[in-house]
Amino acid sequence: MFDFLDSGRYDLLGAFWVTVQLTLYSAAGSLIWGTLLAGMRVSPVPLMRAFGTGYVNLVRNTPLTVVLVGCSLGLGQTLQITLGGGDFKTIGFRLAVLGLIAYTGTFVCESLRSGINTVPVGQAEAARALGLNFFQVLTLIVLPQAFRSVVAPLANVLIALTKNTTVAAAIGVAEASALMKTMIENEADALFAVFAVIAFGFIVLTLPTGLVLGWVGKRVAVKR
């Protein structure tokens, strides 16, 4: 049933390595962008709050496929933005990372905002009474506690991001789901085996992530 894996025609590990790279780069960028968006959403500046709220509501409710295709067609083909890539493969990969960051950052933002809401208001008021400005209160007092409160939700976002990387196949990124499509076309008599192999690969990627980050979340949770 799994004879096609021994043929050497399919670079299964290479495809999943692309998936891992997409996940890691997008996760790092999403954490940074989501933190900035969360800061905007709780900012005392009305314009920043309006931008953060509008961006999150707009992008979060847009299908990821539309976001990635928009990055590919709008930025890559129309505006000729290459993000430093020299060939189609590299450009597509970097545009996919950009689209995933733009999309996943909204979910990171909302997770962090829920964590910010768990921090007692009195702590921020006490910090302001000591002379700290908004940025200092946010970075020194609020965010460290917020991050500790939302490790588990952020783990769920990371798992969802890992699975969402399959959408990158829509713009030609050769990750696991793109390989699965090729395998299905060539191995019509082994569809169950193809699905089983790809599904097992994603389980290997996501299950340990959930278990490890769930354990970390319990270890670092703020005791109220």
Protein backbone atom coordinates (compact mmCIF):
# COMPACT_ATOMS: atom_id res chain seq x y z
CA MET A 1 0.00 0.00 0.00
CA PHE A 2 2.84 2.36 0.82
CA ASP A 3 5.13 1.24 -2.01
CA PHE A 4 5.05 4.72 -3.58
CA LEU A 5 7.15 6.01 -0.68
CA ASP A 6 10.04 3.78 -1.76
CA SER A 7 10.05 4.93 -5.36
CA GLY A 8 12.11 8.04 -4.68
CA ARG A 9 9.72 10.11 -6.77
CA TYR A 10 8.44 12.17 -3.87
CA ASP A 11 10.50 14.31 -1.51
CA LEU A 12 8.20 13.90 1.48
CA LEU A 13 10.69 15.15 4.06
CA GLY A 14 11.53 18.15 1.88
CA ALA A 15 7.87 19.07 1.56
CA PHE A 16 7.31 18.89 5.30
CA TRP A 17 10.51 20.86 5.86
CA VAL A 18 8.98 23.67 3.79
CA THR A 19 5.87 23.40 6.00
CA VAL A 20 8.03 23.66 9.12
CA GLN A 21 9.85 26.71 7.71
CA LEU A 22 6.56 28.39 6.82
CA THR A 23 5.29 27.73 10.34
CA LEU A 24 8.40 28.97 12.15
CA TYR A 25 8.88 32.16 10.13
CA SER A 26 5.17 32.96 10.20
CA ALA A 27 4.90 32.23 13.92
CA ALA A 28 7.77 34.58 14.76
CA GLY A 29 6.38 37.34 12.56
CA SER A 30 2.82 36.81 13.80
CA LEU A 31 3.94 37.08 17.43
CA ILE A 32 5.62 40.42 16.74
CA TRP A 33 2.82 41.81 14.58
CA GLY A 34 0.10 40.50 16.90
CA THR A 35 1.79 42.10 19.91
CA LEU A 36 1.94 45.44 18.11
CA LEU A 37 -1.73 45.14 17.16
CA ALA A 38 -2.67 44.31 20.75
CA GLY A 39 -0.78 47.39 21.92
CA MET A 40 -2.69 49.48 19.39
CA ARG A 41 -6.02 48.06 20.52
CA VAL A 42 -5.44 49.11 24.14
CA SER A 43 -3.64 52.34 23.27
CA PRO A 44 -4.92 55.66 24.63
CA VAL A 45 -4.48 57.14 21.13
CA PRO A 46 -7.85 56.98 19.29
CA LEU A 47 -6.27 56.72 15.83
CA MET A 48 -4.15 53.72 16.84
CA ARG A 49 -7.14 52.03 18.48
CA ALA A 50 -9.22 52.60 15.37
CA PHE A 51 -6.51 51.16 13.09
CA GLY A 52 -5.96 48.11 15.30
CA THR A 53 -9.67 47.40 15.60
CA GLY A 54 -10.36 47.91 11.91
CA TYR A 55 -7.41 45.80 10.79
CA VAL A 56 -8.23 42.90 13.10
CA ASN A 57 -11.91 42.83 12.21
CA LEU A 58 -11.21 43.09 8.48
CA VAL A 59 -8.35 40.60 8.11
CA ARG A 60 -9.61 38.07 10.65
CA ASN A 61 -12.90 37.75 8.76
CA THR A 62 -11.23 37.44 5.35
CA PRO A 63 -10.55 33.89 4.10
CA LEU A 64 -6.86 33.02 4.28
CA THR A 65 -6.91 31.91 0.65
CA VAL A 66 -7.99 35.42 -0.36
CA VAL A 67 -5.20 36.95 1.75
CA LEU A 68 -2.50 34.73 0.22
CA VAL A 69 -3.74 35.09 -3.35
CA GLY A 70 -3.96 38.84 -2.77
CA CYS A 71 -0.33 38.89 -1.65
CA SER A 72 0.71 36.87 -4.68
CA LEU A 73 -1.31 38.75 -7.30
CA GLY A 74 -1.37 42.19 -5.73
CA LEU A 75 2.13 42.45 -4.31
CA GLY A 76 4.05 39.91 -6.37
CA GLN A 77 2.63 40.23 -9.88
CA THR A 78 1.04 43.68 -9.93
CA LEU A 79 3.43 45.72 -7.77
CA GLN A 80 6.45 43.50 -8.53
CA ILE A 81 7.39 43.27 -4.85
CA THR A 82 9.85 40.39 -4.51
CA LEU A 83 10.87 40.77 -0.84
CA GLY A 84 14.45 40.14 -1.92
CA GLY A 85 13.68 36.87 -3.66
CA GLY A 86 15.48 36.05 -6.87
CA ASP A 87 13.27 33.32 -8.30
CA PHE A 88 9.60 32.38 -8.39
CA LYS A 89 9.97 29.73 -5.69
CA THR A 90 11.63 32.07 -3.19
CA ILE A 91 9.29 34.95 -3.93
CA GLY A 92 6.23 32.73 -3.50
CA PHE A 93 7.56 31.40 -0.19
CA ARG A 94 8.22 34.87 1.21
CA LEU A 95 4.87 36.23 0.05
CA ALA A 96 3.20 33.23 1.69
CA VAL A 97 4.99 34.00 4.96
CA LEU A 98 3.88 37.64 4.69
CA GLY A 99 0.27 36.63 4.11
CA LEU A 100 0.31 34.15 6.99
CA ILE A 101 1.78 36.81 9.29
CA ALA A 102 -0.86 39.35 8.26
CA TYR A 103 -3.64 36.83 8.92
CA THR A 104 -2.37 34.97 11.99
CA GLY A 105 -1.27 38.18 13.71
CA THR A 106 -4.93 39.08 14.22
CA PHE A 107 -5.53 35.90 16.23
CA VAL A 108 -2.38 36.48 18.25
CA CYS A 109 -3.63 40.01 18.93
CA GLU A 110 -7.00 38.84 20.24
CA SER A 111 -5.39 36.16 22.40
CA LEU A 112 -3.04 38.73 23.90
CA ARG A 113 -5.84 41.23 24.42
CA SER A 114 -7.73 38.63 26.43
CA GLY A 115 -4.57 38.14 28.49
CA ILE A 116 -4.23 41.88 28.99
CA ASN A 117 -7.77 41.96 30.35
CA THR A 118 -6.79 39.45 33.05
CA VAL A 119 -4.21 41.83 34.53
CA PRO A 120 -5.77 43.76 37.45
CA VAL A 121 -6.39 47.41 36.57
CA GLY A 122 -4.87 48.42 39.90
CA GLN A 123 -1.44 47.30 38.75
CA ALA A 124 -1.50 49.63 35.74
CA GLU A 125 -2.81 52.47 37.88
CA ALA A 126 -0.07 51.91 40.45
CA ALA A 127 2.55 51.92 37.68
CA ARG A 128 1.20 55.21 36.30
CA ALA A 129 1.23 56.66 39.80
CA LEU A 130 4.94 55.89 39.93
CA GLY A 131 5.46 57.97 36.78
CA LEU A 132 5.59 55.27 34.12
CA ASN A 133 4.16 56.15 30.72
CA PHE A 134 1.81 53.95 28.70
CA PHE A 135 4.59 52.18 26.80
CA GLN A 136 6.47 51.37 30.01
CA VAL A 137 3.32 50.13 31.75
CA LEU A 138 2.45 47.94 28.78
CA THR A 139 5.90 46.41 28.27
CA LEU A 140 7.08 46.14 31.88
CA ILE A 141 3.87 45.38 33.79
CA VAL A 142 1.03 44.23 31.57
CA LEU A 143 2.46 42.23 28.67
CA PRO A 144 4.72 39.92 30.74
CA GLN A 145 1.68 38.81 32.75
CA ALA A 146 -0.54 38.69 29.65
CA PHE A 147 1.86 36.37 27.84
CA ARG A 148 1.97 34.02 30.81
CA SER A 149 -1.83 33.90 30.84
CA VAL A 150 -2.27 33.04 27.17
CA VAL A 151 0.37 30.39 26.47
CA ALA A 152 -2.35 27.78 25.87
CA PRO A 153 -4.40 29.98 23.50
CA LEU A 154 -1.22 30.91 21.62
CA ALA A 155 -0.44 27.20 21.32
CA ASN A 156 -3.81 26.74 19.64
CA VAL A 157 -3.00 29.60 17.27
CA LEU A 158 0.34 27.96 16.43
CA ILE A 159 -1.34 24.63 15.73
CA ALA A 160 -3.89 26.36 13.50
CA LEU A 161 -1.06 28.16 11.73
CA THR A 162 0.70 24.86 11.04
CA LYS A 163 -2.43 23.52 9.39
CA ASN A 164 -3.09 26.80 7.58
CA THR A 165 0.25 26.54 5.79
CA THR A 166 -1.49 24.09 3.45
CA VAL A 167 -3.23 27.07 1.85
CA ALA A 168 0.17 28.28 0.59
CA ALA A 169 -0.13 25.65 -2.12
CA ALA A 170 -2.66 27.99 -3.76
CA ILE A 171 0.20 30.32 -4.75
CA GLY A 172 2.65 27.63 -5.78
CA VAL A 173 4.58 26.99 -2.56
CA ALA A 174 5.79 23.39 -2.62
CA GLU A 175 4.80 22.36 0.90
CA ALA A 176 3.14 19.16 2.13
CA SER A 177 -0.34 19.68 0.70
CA ALA A 178 1.08 20.56 -2.71
CA LEU A 179 3.00 17.29 -2.67
CA MET A 180 -0.17 15.49 -1.59
CA LYS A 181 -1.98 16.84 -4.67
CA THR A 182 0.79 15.52 -6.91
CA MET A 183 0.77 12.17 -5.15
CA ILE A 184 -3.01 11.85 -5.54
CA GLU A 185 -2.73 12.55 -9.25
CA ASN A 186 -0.02 9.92 -9.71
CA GLU A 187 -1.14 7.33 -7.17
CA ALA A 188 -4.87 7.05 -7.80
CA ASP A 189 -4.88 3.49 -6.50
CA ALA A 190 -3.45 4.49 -3.11
CA LEU A 191 -5.55 7.48 -2.09
CA PHE A 192 -6.07 6.26 1.48
CA ALA A 193 -2.35 5.69 1.93
CA VAL A 194 -1.53 9.17 0.59
CA PHE A 195 -4.01 10.84 2.93
CA ALA A 196 -2.78 8.73 5.84
CA VAL A 197 0.87 9.68 5.26
CA ILE A 198 0.17 13.41 5.02
CA ALA A 199 -2.20 13.34 8.00
CA PHE A 200 0.38 11.47 10.08
CA GLY A 201 2.98 14.08 9.15
CA PHE A 202 0.80 16.90 10.43
CA ILE A 203 -0.01 14.99 13.61
CA VAL A 204 3.73 14.61 14.23
CA LEU A 205 4.12 18.37 13.84
CA THR A 206 1.11 19.54 15.86
CA LEU A 207 0.59 17.04 18.67
CA PRO A 208 3.97 17.56 20.41
CA THR A 209 3.52 21.33 20.04
CA GLY A 210 0.19 21.22 21.86
CA LEU A 211 1.49 18.94 24.61
CA VAL A 212 4.69 20.91 25.25
CA LEU A 213 3.08 24.35 25.19
CA GLY A 214 0.18 23.10 27.31
CA TRP A 215 2.70 21.98 29.93
CA VAL A 216 4.55 25.29 29.68
CA GLY A 217 1.27 27.17 30.08
CA LYS A 218 0.54 25.39 33.35
CA ARG A 219 4.06 26.02 34.63
CA VAL A 220 4.12 29.75 33.95
CA ALA A 221 0.46 30.60 34.61
CA VAL A 222 -0.04 33.61 36.85
CA LYS A 223 -1.65 32.63 40.15
CA ARG A 224 -4.57 34.96 40.88
